[in-house]
PDB file of N, CA and C in Angstrom:
ATOM      1  N   MET A   1      23.346  -7.184  71.677  1.00  0.00           N
ATOM      2  CA  MET A   1      23.572  -7.383  70.246  1.00  0.00           C
ATOM      3  C   MET A   1      23.048  -6.167  69.490  1.00  0.00           C
ATOM      4  N   ASN A   2      23.897  -5.582  68.696  1.00  0.00           N
ATOM      5  CA  ASN A   2      23.545  -4.389  67.935  1.00  0.00           C
ATOM      6  C   ASN A   2      22.995  -4.801  66.570  1.00  0.00           C
ATOM      7  N   ILE A   3      21.725  -4.447  66.305  1.00  0.00           N
ATOM      8  CA  ILE A   3      21.081  -4.730  65.021  1.00  0.00           C
ATOM      9  C   ILE A   3      20.397  -3.444  64.551  1.00  0.00           C
ATOM     10  N   PRO A   4      21.151  -2.574  63.863  1.00  0.00           N
ATOM     11  CA  PRO A   4      20.571  -1.295  63.429  1.00  0.00           C
ATOM     12  C   PRO A   4      19.316  -1.473  62.571  1.00  0.00           C
ATOM     13  N   GLN A   5      18.336  -0.628  62.843  1.00  0.00           N
ATOM     14  CA  GLN A   5      17.053  -0.692  62.139  1.00  0.00           C
ATOM     15  C   GLN A   5      17.145  -0.221  60.686  1.00  0.00           C
ATOM     16  N   ASN A   6      18.139   0.596  60.361  1.00  0.00           N
ATOM     17  CA  ASN A   6      18.205   1.205  59.033  1.00  0.00           C
ATOM     18  C   ASN A   6      18.950   0.359  58.002  1.00  0.00           C
ATOM     19  N   LEU A   7      19.328  -0.860  58.374  1.00  0.00           N
ATOM     20  CA  LEU A   7      20.065  -1.734  57.463  1.00  0.00           C
ATOM     21  C   LEU A   7      19.194  -2.890  56.996  1.00  0.00           C
ATOM     22  N   LYS A   8      19.612  -3.531  55.912  1.00  0.00           N
ATOM     23  CA  LYS A   8      19.033  -4.794  55.458  1.00  0.00           C
ATOM     24  C   LYS A   8      20.079  -5.871  55.691  1.00  0.00           C
ATOM     25  N   TYR A   9      19.630  -7.118  55.870  1.00  0.00           N
ATOM     26  CA  TYR A   9      20.520  -8.208  56.260  1.00  0.00           C
ATOM     27  C   TYR A   9      20.320  -9.434  55.380  1.00  0.00           C
ATOM     28  N   THR A  10      21.397 -10.239  55.264  1.00  0.00           N
ATOM     29  CA  THR A  10      21.299 -11.527  54.580  1.00  0.00           C
ATOM     30  C   THR A  10      21.230 -12.629  55.632  1.00  0.00           C
ATOM     31  N   LYS A  11      20.795 -13.797  55.205  1.00  0.00           N
ATOM     32  CA  LYS A  11      20.777 -14.957  56.102  1.00  0.00           C
ATOM     33  C   LYS A  11      22.191 -15.436  56.400  1.00  0.00           C
ATOM     34  N   GLU A  12      23.163 -14.984  55.604  1.00  0.00           N
ATOM     35  CA  GLU A  12      24.570 -15.352  55.808  1.00  0.00           C
ATOM     36  C   GLU A  12      25.299 -14.327  56.679  1.00  0.00           C
ATOM     37  N   HIS A  13      24.558 -13.339  57.226  1.00  0.00           N
ATOM     38  CA  HIS A  13      25.062 -12.382  58.220  1.00  0.00           C
ATOM     39  C   HIS A  13      25.847 -11.205  57.650  1.00  0.00           C
ATOM     40  N   GLU A  14      25.529 -10.816  56.413  1.00  0.00           N
ATOM     41  CA  GLU A  14      26.043  -9.562  55.885  1.00  0.00           C
ATOM     42  C   GLU A  14      24.968  -8.490  56.071  1.00  0.00           C
ATOM     43  N   TRP A  15      25.396  -7.248  56.098  1.00  0.00           N
ATOM     44  CA  TRP A  15      24.461  -6.131  56.127  1.00  0.00           C
ATOM     45  C   TRP A  15      24.735  -5.218  54.941  1.00  0.00           C
ATOM     46  N   ILE A  16      23.721  -4.439  54.584  1.00  0.00           N
ATOM     47  CA  ILE A  16      23.881  -3.427  53.542  1.00  0.00           C
ATOM     48  C   ILE A  16      23.120  -2.180  53.968  1.00  0.00           C
ATOM     49  N   LEU A  17      23.813  -1.054  53.869  1.00  0.00           N
ATOM     50  CA  LEU A  17      23.206   0.252  54.076  1.00  0.00           C
ATOM     51  C   LEU A  17      22.905   0.807  52.694  1.00  0.00           C
ATOM     52  N   ILE A  18      21.646   1.087  52.433  1.00  0.00           N
ATOM     53  CA  ILE A  18      21.230   1.557  51.116  1.00  0.00           C
ATOM     54  C   ILE A  18      21.023   3.067  51.182  1.00  0.00           C
ATOM     55  N   GLU A  19      21.812   3.789  50.377  1.00  0.00           N
ATOM     56  CA  GLU A  19      21.705   5.243  50.288  1.00  0.00           C
ATOM     57  C   GLU A  19      21.570   5.597  48.814  1.00  0.00           C
ATOM     58  N   GLY A  20      20.332   5.790  48.377  1.00  0.00           N
ATOM     59  CA  GLY A  20      20.079   6.025  46.952  1.00  0.00           C
ATOM     60  C   GLY A  20      20.430   4.775  46.175  1.00  0.00           C
ATOM     61  N   SER A  21      21.358   4.900  45.222  1.00  0.00           N
ATOM     62  CA  SER A  21      21.756   3.737  44.422  1.00  0.00           C
ATOM     63  C   SER A  21      23.055   3.110  44.934  1.00  0.00           C
ATOM     64  N   THR A  22      23.551   3.592  46.080  1.00  0.00           N
ATOM     65  CA  THR A  22      24.793   3.083  46.649  1.00  0.00           C
ATOM     66  C   THR A  22      24.505   2.175  47.839  1.00  0.00           C
ATOM     67  N   GLY A  23      25.227   1.064  47.885  1.00  0.00           N
ATOM     68  CA  GLY A  23      25.112   0.150  49.016  1.00  0.00           C
ATOM     69  C   GLY A  23      26.466  -0.012  49.684  1.00  0.00           C
ATOM     70  N   THR A  24      26.500   0.150  51.010  1.00  0.00           N
ATOM     71  CA  THR A  24      27.704  -0.105  51.791  1.00  0.00           C
ATOM     72  C   THR A  24      27.505  -1.447  52.468  1.00  0.00           C
ATOM     73  N   ILE A  25      28.499  -2.343  52.367  1.00  0.00           N
ATOM     74  CA  ILE A  25      28.363  -3.738  52.788  1.00  0.00           C
ATOM     75  C   ILE A  25      29.386  -4.077  53.867  1.00  0.00           C
ATOM     76  N   GLY A  26      28.952  -4.884  54.827  1.00  0.00           N
ATOM     77  CA  GLY A  26      29.845  -5.389  55.867  1.00  0.00           C
ATOM     78  C   GLY A  26      29.242  -6.650  56.472  1.00  0.00           C
ATOM     79  N   ILE A  27      29.834  -7.121  57.564  1.00  0.00           N
ATOM     80  CA  ILE A  27      29.256  -8.260  58.273  1.00  0.00           C
ATOM     81  C   ILE A  27      28.657  -7.774  59.583  1.00  0.00           C
ATOM     82  N   THR A  28      27.703  -8.521  60.096  1.00  0.00           N
ATOM     83  CA  THR A  28      26.958  -8.089  61.266  1.00  0.00           C
ATOM     84  C   THR A  28      27.744  -8.257  62.571  1.00  0.00           C
ATOM     85  N   ASP A  29      27.232  -7.594  63.576  1.00  0.00           N
ATOM     86  CA  ASP A  29      27.787  -7.709  64.924  1.00  0.00           C
ATOM     87  C   ASP A  29      27.742  -9.168  65.376  1.00  0.00           C
ATOM     88  N   TYR A  30      26.644  -9.842  65.066  1.00  0.00           N
ATOM     89  CA  TYR A  30      26.518 -11.263  65.414  1.00  0.00           C
ATOM     90  C   TYR A  30      27.617 -12.081  64.742  1.00  0.00           C
ATOM     91  N   ALA A  31      27.836 -11.834  63.447  1.00  0.00           N
ATOM     92  CA  ALA A  31      28.842 -12.597  62.691  1.00  0.00           C
ATOM     93  C   ALA A  31      30.241 -12.373  63.253  1.00  0.00           C
ATOM     94  N   GLN A  32      30.594 -11.123  63.533  1.00  0.00           N
ATOM     95  CA  GLN A  32      31.936 -10.863  64.050  1.00  0.00           C
ATOM     96  C   GLN A  32      32.115 -11.512  65.413  1.00  0.00           C
ATOM     97  N   GLY A  33      31.041 -11.561  66.204  1.00  0.00           N
ATOM     98  CA  GLY A  33      31.109 -12.209  67.513  1.00  0.00           C
ATOM     99  C   GLY A  33      31.316 -13.709  67.402  1.00  0.00           C
ATOM    100  N   GLU A  34      30.670 -14.306  66.408  1.00  0.00           N
ATOM    101  CA  GLU A  34      30.826 -15.744  66.182  1.00  0.00           C
ATOM    102  C   GLU A  34      32.216 -16.081  65.648  1.00  0.00           C
ATOM    103  N   LEU A  35      32.769 -15.200  64.814  1.00  0.00           N
ATOM    104  CA  LEU A  35      34.090 -15.438  64.245  1.00  0.00           C
ATOM    105  C   LEU A  35      35.198 -15.290  65.286  1.00  0.00           C
ATOM    106  N   GLY A  36      35.041 -14.342  66.185  1.00  0.00           N
ATOM    107  CA  GLY A  36      36.111 -14.033  67.136  1.00  0.00           C
ATOM    108  C   GLY A  36      37.019 -12.970  66.549  1.00  0.00           C
ATOM    109  N   ASP A  37      38.247 -12.915  67.032  1.00  0.00           N
ATOM    110  CA  ASP A  37      39.171 -11.854  66.647  1.00  0.00           C
ATOM    111  C   ASP A  37      39.535 -11.924  65.169  1.00  0.00           C
ATOM    112  N   VAL A  38      39.109 -10.915  64.412  1.00  0.00           N
ATOM    113  CA  VAL A  38      39.387 -10.838  62.982  1.00  0.00           C
ATOM    114  C   VAL A  38      40.831 -10.377  62.784  1.00  0.00           C
ATOM    115  N   VAL A  39      41.568 -11.141  61.969  1.00  0.00           N
ATOM    116  CA  VAL A  39      42.979 -10.822  61.732  1.00  0.00           C
ATOM    117  C   VAL A  39      43.260 -10.412  60.286  1.00  0.00           C
ATOM    118  N   PHE A  40      42.316 -10.679  59.369  1.00  0.00           N
ATOM    119  CA  PHE A  40      42.558 -10.346  57.966  1.00  0.00           C
ATOM    120  C   PHE A  40      41.241 -10.340  57.207  1.00  0.00           C
ATOM    121  N   VAL A  41      41.056  -9.331  56.364  1.00  0.00           N
ATOM    122  CA  VAL A  41      39.917  -9.272  55.450  1.00  0.00           C
ATOM    123  C   VAL A  41      40.494  -9.298  54.043  1.00  0.00           C
ATOM    124  N   ASP A  42      40.081 -10.292  53.250  1.00  0.00           N
ATOM    125  CA  ASP A  42      40.638 -10.486  51.918  1.00  0.00           C
ATOM    126  C   ASP A  42      39.565 -10.270  50.855  1.00  0.00           C
ATOM    127  N   ILE A  43      39.571  -9.067  50.286  1.00  0.00           N
ATOM    128  CA  ILE A  43      38.712  -8.760  49.148  1.00  0.00           C
ATOM    129  C   ILE A  43      39.646  -8.325  48.031  1.00  0.00           C
ATOM    130  N   ASP A  44      39.556  -8.990  46.903  1.00  0.00           N
ATOM    131  CA  ASP A  44      40.452  -8.728  45.766  1.00  0.00           C
ATOM    132  C   ASP A  44      40.370  -7.259  45.363  1.00  0.00           C
ATOM    133  N   PRO A  45      41.495  -6.531  45.402  1.00  0.00           N
ATOM    134  CA  PRO A  45      41.469  -5.116  45.021  1.00  0.00           C
ATOM    135  C   PRO A  45      41.093  -4.900  43.553  1.00  0.00           C
ATOM    136  N   ALA A  46      41.171  -5.945  42.729  1.00  0.00           N
ATOM    137  CA  ALA A  46      40.793  -5.838  41.321  1.00  0.00           C
ATOM    138  C   ALA A  46      39.301  -6.123  41.096  1.00  0.00           C
ATOM    139  N   LEU A  47      38.563  -6.419  42.176  1.00  0.00           N
ATOM    140  CA  LEU A  47      37.137  -6.722  42.067  1.00  0.00           C
ATOM    141  C   LEU A  47      36.391  -5.491  41.547  1.00  0.00           C
ATOM    142  N   THR A  48      35.667  -5.663  40.442  1.00  0.00           N
ATOM    143  CA  THR A  48      34.942  -4.534  39.857  1.00  0.00           C
ATOM    144  C   THR A  48      33.434  -4.727  39.864  1.00  0.00           C
ATOM    145  N   GLU A  49      32.987  -5.979  39.876  1.00  0.00           N
ATOM    146  CA  GLU A  49      31.552  -6.288  39.872  1.00  0.00           C
ATOM    147  C   GLU A  49      31.287  -7.381  40.891  1.00  0.00           C
ATOM    148  N   ILE A  50      30.111  -7.322  41.537  1.00  0.00           N
ATOM    149  CA  ILE A  50      29.706  -8.407  42.418  1.00  0.00           C
ATOM    150  C   ILE A  50      28.338  -8.907  41.974  1.00  0.00           C
ATOM    151  N   THR A  51      28.073 -10.180  42.265  1.00  0.00           N
ATOM    152  CA  THR A  51      26.800 -10.798  41.909  1.00  0.00           C
ATOM    153  C   THR A  51      26.151 -11.319  43.178  1.00  0.00           C
ATOM    154  N   LYS A  52      24.891 -10.976  43.362  1.00  0.00           N
ATOM    155  CA  LYS A  52      24.163 -11.368  44.567  1.00  0.00           C
ATOM    156  C   LYS A  52      24.357 -12.854  44.849  1.00  0.00           C
ATOM    157  N   GLY A  53      24.713 -13.157  46.096  1.00  0.00           N
ATOM    158  CA  GLY A  53      24.861 -14.538  46.541  1.00  0.00           C
ATOM    159  C   GLY A  53      26.252 -15.109  46.350  1.00  0.00           C
ATOM    160  N   ASP A  54      27.084 -14.468  45.527  1.00  0.00           N
ATOM    161  CA  ASP A  54      28.440 -14.957  45.290  1.00  0.00           C
ATOM    162  C   ASP A  54      29.382 -14.499  46.400  1.00  0.00           C
ATOM    163  N   SER A  55      30.437 -15.271  46.617  1.00  0.00           N
ATOM    164  CA  SER A  55      31.471 -14.870  47.561  1.00  0.00           C
ATOM    165  C   SER A  55      32.234 -13.687  46.970  1.00  0.00           C
ATOM    166  N   ILE A  56      32.432 -12.657  47.789  1.00  0.00           N
ATOM    167  CA  ILE A  56      33.170 -11.479  47.332  1.00  0.00           C
ATOM    168  C   ILE A  56      34.513 -11.358  48.043  1.00  0.00           C
ATOM    169  N   GLY A  57      34.807 -12.335  48.877  1.00  0.00           N
ATOM    170  CA  GLY A  57      36.066 -12.332  49.609  1.00  0.00           C
ATOM    171  C   GLY A  57      35.949 -13.201  50.840  1.00  0.00           C
ATOM    172  N   THR A  58      36.974 -13.130  51.674  1.00  0.00           N
ATOM    173  CA  THR A  58      36.963 -13.911  52.909  1.00  0.00           C
ATOM    174  C   THR A  58      37.362 -13.030  54.083  1.00  0.00           C
ATOM    175  N   ILE A  59      36.945 -13.489  55.236  1.00  0.00           N
ATOM    176  CA  ILE A  59      37.324 -12.833  56.477  1.00  0.00           C
ATOM    177  C   ILE A  59      37.979 -13.899  57.347  1.00  0.00           C
ATOM    178  N   GLU A  60      39.180 -13.601  57.801  1.00  0.00           N
ATOM    179  CA  GLU A  60      39.951 -14.578  58.560  1.00  0.00           C
ATOM    180  C   GLU A  60      40.007 -14.156  60.018  1.00  0.00           C
ATOM    181  N   ALA A  61      39.614 -15.080  60.881  1.00  0.00           N
ATOM    182  CA  ALA A  61      39.713 -14.871  62.320  1.00  0.00           C
ATOM    183  C   ALA A  61      40.785 -15.824  62.837  1.00  0.00           C
ATOM    184  N   VAL A  62      41.070 -15.741  64.118  1.00  0.00           N
ATOM    185  CA  VAL A  62      42.149 -16.544  64.690  1.00  0.00           C
ATOM    186  C   VAL A  62      41.946 -18.033  64.418  1.00  0.00           C
ATOM    187  N   LYS A  63      40.690 -18.514  64.498  1.00  0.00           N
ATOM    188  CA  LYS A  63      40.443 -19.957  64.398  1.00  0.00           C
ATOM    189  C   LYS A  63      39.725 -20.399  63.134  1.00  0.00           C
ATOM    190  N   THR A  64      39.314 -19.465  62.266  1.00  0.00           N
ATOM    191  CA  THR A  64      38.516 -19.870  61.114  1.00  0.00           C
ATOM    192  C   THR A  64      38.609 -18.846  59.987  1.00  0.00           C
ATOM    193  N   VAL A  65      38.187 -19.271  58.794  1.00  0.00           N
ATOM    194  CA  VAL A  65      38.054 -18.378  57.643  1.00  0.00           C
ATOM    195  C   VAL A  65      36.619 -18.527  57.139  1.00  0.00           C
ATOM    196  N   SER A  66      35.998 -17.409  56.817  1.00  0.00           N
ATOM    197  CA  SER A  66      34.606 -17.434  56.380  1.00  0.00           C
ATOM    198  C   SER A  66      34.445 -16.577  55.126  1.00  0.00           C
ATOM    199  N   ASP A  67      33.585 -17.028  54.213  1.00  0.00           N
ATOM    200  CA  ASP A  67      33.289 -16.248  53.014  1.00  0.00           C
ATOM    201  C   ASP A  67      32.410 -15.057  53.365  1.00  0.00           C
ATOM    202  N   ILE A  68      32.556 -14.013  52.568  1.00  0.00           N
ATOM    203  CA  ILE A  68      31.682 -12.849  52.623  1.00  0.00           C
ATOM    204  C   ILE A  68      30.835 -12.926  51.359  1.00  0.00           C
ATOM    205  N   PHE A  69      29.508 -12.873  51.506  1.00  0.00           N
ATOM    206  CA  PHE A  69      28.618 -13.026  50.363  1.00  0.00           C
ATOM    207  C   PHE A  69      27.963 -11.692  49.997  1.00  0.00           C
ATOM    208  N   ALA A  70      27.795 -11.485  48.700  1.00  0.00           N
ATOM    209  CA  ALA A  70      27.195 -10.248  48.196  1.00  0.00           C
ATOM    210  C   ALA A  70      25.692 -10.230  48.457  1.00  0.00           C
ATOM    211  N   PRO A  71      25.194  -9.186  49.130  1.00  0.00           N
ATOM    212  CA  PRO A  71      23.745  -9.079  49.353  1.00  0.00           C
ATOM    213  C   PRO A  71      22.992  -8.565  48.129  1.00  0.00           C
ATOM    214  N   CYS A  72      23.747  -8.082  47.125  1.00  0.00           N
ATOM    215  CA  CYS A  72      23.127  -7.587  45.893  1.00  0.00           C
ATOM    216  C   CYS A  72      24.189  -7.620  44.791  1.00  0.00           C
ATOM    217  N   SER A  73      23.750  -7.409  43.588  1.00  0.00           N
ATOM    218  CA  SER A  73      24.674  -7.287  42.456  1.00  0.00           C
ATOM    219  C   SER A  73      24.988  -5.815  42.246  1.00  0.00           C
ATOM    220  N   GLY A  74      26.176  -5.549  41.706  1.00  0.00           N
ATOM    221  CA  GLY A  74      26.495  -4.165  41.416  1.00  0.00           C
ATOM    222  C   GLY A  74      27.948  -3.960  41.045  1.00  0.00           C
ATOM    223  N   LYS A  75      28.255  -2.699  40.774  1.00  0.00           N
ATOM    224  CA  LYS A  75      29.599  -2.277  40.407  1.00  0.00           C
ATOM    225  C   LYS A  75      30.311  -1.790  41.670  1.00  0.00           C
ATOM    226  N   VAL A  76      31.491  -2.328  41.924  1.00  0.00           N
ATOM    227  CA  VAL A  76      32.268  -1.919  43.097  1.00  0.00           C
ATOM    228  C   VAL A  76      32.784  -0.501  42.876  1.00  0.00           C
ATOM    229  N   ILE A  77      32.500   0.382  43.841  1.00  0.00           N
ATOM    230  CA  ILE A  77      32.970   1.762  43.710  1.00  0.00           C
ATOM    231  C   ILE A  77      34.021   2.120  44.761  1.00  0.00           C
ATOM    232  N   GLU A  78      34.111   1.316  45.826  1.00  0.00           N
ATOM    233  CA  GLU A  78      35.129   1.601  46.842  1.00  0.00           C
ATOM    234  C   GLU A  78      35.335   0.392  47.736  1.00  0.00           C
ATOM    235  N   LEU A  79      36.590   0.126  48.077  1.00  0.00           N
ATOM    236  CA  LEU A  79      36.938  -0.876  49.079  1.00  0.00           C
ATOM    237  C   LEU A  79      37.446  -0.139  50.309  1.00  0.00           C
ATOM    238  N   ASN A  80      37.200  -0.688  51.482  1.00  0.00           N
ATOM    239  CA  ASN A  80      37.685  -0.087  52.718  1.00  0.00           C
ATOM    240  C   ASN A  80      39.156  -0.451  52.899  1.00  0.00           C
ATOM    241  N   GLU A  81      40.022   0.402  52.395  1.00  0.00           N
ATOM    242  CA  GLU A  81      41.466   0.155  52.434  1.00  0.00           C
ATOM    243  C   GLU A  81      42.010   0.098  53.860  1.00  0.00           C
ATOM    244  N   LYS A  82      41.324   0.728  54.801  1.00  0.00           N
ATOM    245  CA  LYS A  82      41.799   0.768  56.186  1.00  0.00           C
ATOM    246  C   LYS A  82      41.781  -0.607  56.843  1.00  0.00           C
ATOM    247  N   LEU A  83      41.004  -1.539  56.284  1.00  0.00           N
ATOM    248  CA  LEU A  83      40.939  -2.883  56.876  1.00  0.00           C
ATOM    249  C   LEU A  83      42.246  -3.645  56.714  1.00  0.00           C
ATOM    250  N   LYS A  84      43.077  -3.255  55.738  1.00  0.00           N
ATOM    251  CA  LYS A  84      44.380  -3.915  55.576  1.00  0.00           C
ATOM    252  C   LYS A  84      45.216  -3.770  56.839  1.00  0.00           C
ATOM    253  N   ASP A  85      45.239  -2.553  57.383  1.00  0.00           N
ATOM    254  CA  ASP A  85      46.043  -2.274  58.570  1.00  0.00           C
ATOM    255  C   ASP A  85      45.268  -2.447  59.872  1.00  0.00           C
ATOM    256  N   SER A  86      43.943  -2.405  59.802  1.00  0.00           N
ATOM    257  CA  SER A  86      43.120  -2.483  61.016  1.00  0.00           C
ATOM    258  C   SER A  86      41.942  -3.437  60.850  1.00  0.00           C
ATOM    259  N   PRO A  87      42.206  -4.739  60.582  1.00  0.00           N
ATOM    260  CA  PRO A  87      41.094  -5.667  60.407  1.00  0.00           C
ATOM    261  C   PRO A  87      40.239  -5.802  61.664  1.00  0.00           C
ATOM    262  N   GLU A  88      40.810  -5.470  62.821  1.00  0.00           N
ATOM    263  CA  GLU A  88      40.066  -5.560  64.079  1.00  0.00           C
ATOM    264  C   GLU A  88      38.898  -4.571  64.133  1.00  0.00           C
ATOM    265  N   SER A  89      38.854  -3.614  63.200  1.00  0.00           N
ATOM    266  CA  SER A  89      37.714  -2.690  63.112  1.00  0.00           C
ATOM    267  C   SER A  89      36.414  -3.456  62.879  1.00  0.00           C
ATOM    268  N   VAL A  90      36.511  -4.610  62.228  1.00  0.00           N
ATOM    269  CA  VAL A  90      35.326  -5.433  61.986  1.00  0.00           C
ATOM    270  C   VAL A  90      34.740  -5.882  63.328  1.00  0.00           C
ATOM    271  N   ASN A  91      35.595  -6.154  64.308  1.00  0.00           N
ATOM    272  CA  ASN A  91      35.133  -6.536  65.639  1.00  0.00           C
ATOM    273  C   ASN A  91      34.646  -5.335  66.442  1.00  0.00           C
ATOM    274  N   SER A  92      35.428  -4.271  66.446  1.00  0.00           N
ATOM    275  CA  SER A  92      35.123  -3.142  67.323  1.00  0.00           C
ATOM    276  C   SER A  92      34.004  -2.241  66.794  1.00  0.00           C
ATOM    277  N   ASP A  93      33.832  -2.183  65.480  1.00  0.00           N
ATOM    278  CA  ASP A  93      32.837  -1.281  64.886  1.00  0.00           C
ATOM    279  C   ASP A  93      32.314  -1.863  63.575  1.00  0.00           C
ATOM    280  N   PRO A  94      31.579  -2.999  63.645  1.00  0.00           N
ATOM    281  CA  PRO A  94      31.171  -3.678  62.403  1.00  0.00           C
ATOM    282  C   PRO A  94      30.267  -2.850  61.493  1.00  0.00           C
ATOM    283  N   TYR A  95      29.520  -1.903  62.055  1.00  0.00           N
ATOM    284  CA  TYR A  95      28.607  -1.094  61.240  1.00  0.00           C
ATOM    285  C   TYR A  95      29.177   0.277  60.897  1.00  0.00           C
ATOM    286  N   GLY A  96      30.394   0.550  61.342  1.00  0.00           N
ATOM    287  CA  GLY A  96      31.033   1.836  61.074  1.00  0.00           C
ATOM    288  C   GLY A  96      32.353   1.621  60.360  1.00  0.00           C
ATOM    289  N   ALA A  97      33.449   1.739  61.108  1.00  0.00           N
ATOM    290  CA  ALA A  97      34.791   1.619  60.531  1.00  0.00           C
ATOM    291  C   ALA A  97      35.049   0.246  59.918  1.00  0.00           C
ATOM    292  N   GLY A  98      34.266  -0.768  60.289  1.00  0.00           N
ATOM    293  CA  GLY A  98      34.467  -2.129  59.790  1.00  0.00           C
ATOM    294  C   GLY A  98      33.750  -2.450  58.487  1.00  0.00           C
ATOM    295  N   TRP A  99      33.170  -1.455  57.819  1.00  0.00           N
ATOM    296  CA  TRP A  99      32.522  -1.722  56.523  1.00  0.00           C
ATOM    297  C   TRP A  99      33.564  -2.263  55.543  1.00  0.00           C
ATOM    298  N   MET A 100      33.100  -2.983  54.528  1.00  0.00           N
ATOM    299  CA  MET A 100      34.037  -3.659  53.631  1.00  0.00           C
ATOM    300  C   MET A 100      34.104  -3.084  52.226  1.00  0.00           C
ATOM    301  N   LEU A 101      32.948  -2.830  51.613  1.00  0.00           N
ATOM    302  CA  LEU A 101      32.962  -2.248  50.280  1.00  0.00           C
ATOM    303  C   LEU A 101      31.681  -1.501  50.002  1.00  0.00           C
ATOM    304  N   LYS A 102      31.766  -0.641  48.995  1.00  0.00           N
ATOM    305  CA  LYS A 102      30.603   0.111  48.534  1.00  0.00           C
ATOM    306  C   LYS A 102      30.375  -0.248  47.075  1.00  0.00           C
ATOM    307  N   VAL A 103      29.096  -0.376  46.728  1.00  0.00           N
ATOM    308  CA  VAL A 103      28.735  -0.738  45.363  1.00  0.00           C
ATOM    309  C   VAL A 103      27.640   0.180  44.836  1.00  0.00           C
ATOM    310  N   GLU A 104      27.620   0.301  43.527  1.00  0.00           N
ATOM    311  CA  GLU A 104      26.494   0.926  42.845  1.00  0.00           C
ATOM    312  C   GLU A 104      25.521  -0.219  42.560  1.00  0.00           C
ATOM    313  N   ILE A 105      24.366  -0.183  43.215  1.00  0.00           N
ATOM    314  CA  ILE A 105      23.408  -1.289  43.140  1.00  0.00           C
ATOM    315  C   ILE A 105      22.866  -1.407  41.714  1.00  0.00           C
ATOM    316  N   ALA A 106      22.974  -2.616  41.142  1.00  0.00           N
ATOM    317  CA  ALA A 106      22.562  -2.842  39.755  1.00  0.00           C
ATOM    318  C   ALA A 106      21.058  -3.047  39.621  1.00  0.00           C
ATOM    319  N   ASN A 107      20.448  -3.725  40.591  1.00  0.00           N
ATOM    320  CA  ASN A 107      19.036  -4.085  40.474  1.00  0.00           C
ATOM    321  C   ASN A 107      18.389  -3.994  41.850  1.00  0.00           C
ATOM    322  N   THR A 108      17.651  -2.928  42.097  1.00  0.00           N
ATOM    323  CA  THR A 108      17.062  -2.727  43.426  1.00  0.00           C
ATOM    324  C   THR A 108      16.031  -3.806  43.764  1.00  0.00           C
ATOM    325  N   ALA A 109      15.496  -4.493  42.776  1.00  0.00           N
ATOM    326  CA  ALA A 109      14.537  -5.568  43.044  1.00  0.00           C
ATOM    327  C   ALA A 109      15.190  -6.692  43.853  1.00  0.00           C
ATOM    328  N   GLU A 110      16.512  -6.865  43.716  1.00  0.00           N
ATOM    329  CA  GLU A 110      17.219  -7.896  44.474  1.00  0.00           C
ATOM    330  C   GLU A 110      17.180  -7.635  45.981  1.00  0.00           C
ATOM    331  N   LEU A 111      16.939  -6.407  46.365  1.00  0.00           N
ATOM    332  CA  LEU A 111      16.949  -6.048  47.784  1.00  0.00           C
ATOM    333  C   LEU A 111      15.689  -6.502  48.509  1.00  0.00           C
ATOM    334  N   SER A 112      14.650  -6.844  47.751  1.00  0.00           N
ATOM    335  CA  SER A 112      13.359  -7.153  48.365  1.00  0.00           C
ATOM    336  C   SER A 112      13.366  -8.419  49.217  1.00  0.00           C
ATOM    337  N   ASP A 113      14.291  -9.346  48.949  1.00  0.00           N
ATOM    338  CA  ASP A 113      14.295 -10.567  49.761  1.00  0.00           C
ATOM    339  C   ASP A 113      15.308 -10.514  50.913  1.00  0.00           C
ATOM    340  N   LEU A 114      15.911  -9.339  51.135  1.00  0.00           N
ATOM    341  CA  LEU A 114      16.786  -9.193  52.295  1.00  0.00           C
ATOM    342  C   LEU A 114      15.922  -9.036  53.552  1.00  0.00           C
ATOM    343  N   LEU A 115      16.524  -9.295  54.685  1.00  0.00           N
ATOM    344  CA  LEU A 115      15.804  -9.243  55.953  1.00  0.00           C
ATOM    345  C   LEU A 115      15.858  -7.844  56.554  1.00  0.00           C
ATOM    346  N   ASP A 116      14.756  -7.440  57.194  1.00  0.00           N
ATOM    347  CA  ASP A 116      14.822  -6.212  57.978  1.00  0.00           C
ATOM    348  C   ASP A 116      15.371  -6.573  59.356  1.00  0.00           C
ATOM    349  N   ALA A 117      15.548  -5.577  60.207  1.00  0.00           N
ATOM    350  CA  ALA A 117      16.177  -5.809  61.507  1.00  0.00           C
ATOM    351  C   ALA A 117      15.397  -6.828  62.346  1.00  0.00           C
ATOM    352  N   ALA A 118      14.077  -6.754  62.348  1.00  0.00           N
ATOM    353  CA  ALA A 118      13.267  -7.682  63.145  1.00  0.00           C
ATOM    354  C   ALA A 118      13.411  -9.117  62.643  1.00  0.00           C
ATOM    355  N   ALA A 119      13.402  -9.298  61.334  1.00  0.00           N
ATOM    356  CA  ALA A 119      13.544 -10.642  60.769  1.00  0.00           C
ATOM    357  C   ALA A 119      14.943 -11.200  61.030  1.00  0.00           C
ATOM    358  N   TYR A 120      15.963 -10.337  60.949  1.00  0.00           N
ATOM    359  CA  TYR A 120      17.325 -10.797  61.233  1.00  0.00           C
ATOM    360  C   TYR A 120      17.461 -11.165  62.697  1.00  0.00           C
ATOM    361  N   GLN A 121      16.864 -10.376  63.562  1.00  0.00           N
ATOM    362  CA  GLN A 121      16.894 -10.658  65.003  1.00  0.00           C
ATOM    363  C   GLN A 121      16.250 -12.020  65.269  1.00  0.00           C
ATOM    364  N   ALA A 122      15.148 -12.303  64.596  1.00  0.00           N
ATOM    365  CA  ALA A 122      14.484 -13.600  64.752  1.00  0.00           C
ATOM    366  C   ALA A 122      15.374 -14.728  64.228  1.00  0.00           C
ATOM    367  N   LEU A 123      16.061 -14.478  63.111  1.00  0.00           N
ATOM    368  CA  LEU A 123      16.948 -15.486  62.523  1.00  0.00           C
ATOM    369  C   LEU A 123      18.037 -15.921  63.498  1.00  0.00           C
ATOM    370  N   ILE A 124      18.619 -14.962  64.195  1.00  0.00           N
ATOM    371  CA  ILE A 124      19.725 -15.294  65.096  1.00  0.00           C
ATOM    372  C   ILE A 124      19.251 -15.593  66.516  1.00  0.00           C
ATOM    373  N   GLY A 125      17.950 -15.532  66.721  1.00  0.00           N
ATOM    374  CA  GLY A 125      17.396 -15.891  68.019  1.00  0.00           C
ATOM    375  C   GLY A 125      17.691 -14.900  69.126  1.00  0.00           C
ATOM    376  N   GLN A 126      17.739 -13.644  68.795  1.00  0.00           N
ATOM    377  CA  GLN A 126      18.022 -12.608  69.803  1.00  0.00           C
ATOM    378  C   GLN A 126      16.753 -11.908  70.241  1.00  0.00           C
TER     379      GLN A 126
END
């Protein structure tokens, strides 16, 4: 199970890479494994703002659909357009090509209750 040390995690299995005031968001290796083969990622292209804890879209696998939750609030600055044609990137490279969106983080204090890699590892029992 791949759990990069440089990311923060939610209890709902999203990750965020924090680079200055920018956050790149996706779902974890554990989450993609639980979902199975991802066939569609649905994030509204008109989405401009996200609010911590709110659903920002859905991820559809062969047998289920799951919400994607915002790990922080912020202004959407980029969506991963490549997921339209290659949703399987979420399975093959969840921390790289499978990223979902980038945001300008509105309130860095919201990041304090996210999990570090060790806490996330404990959460999933790995």
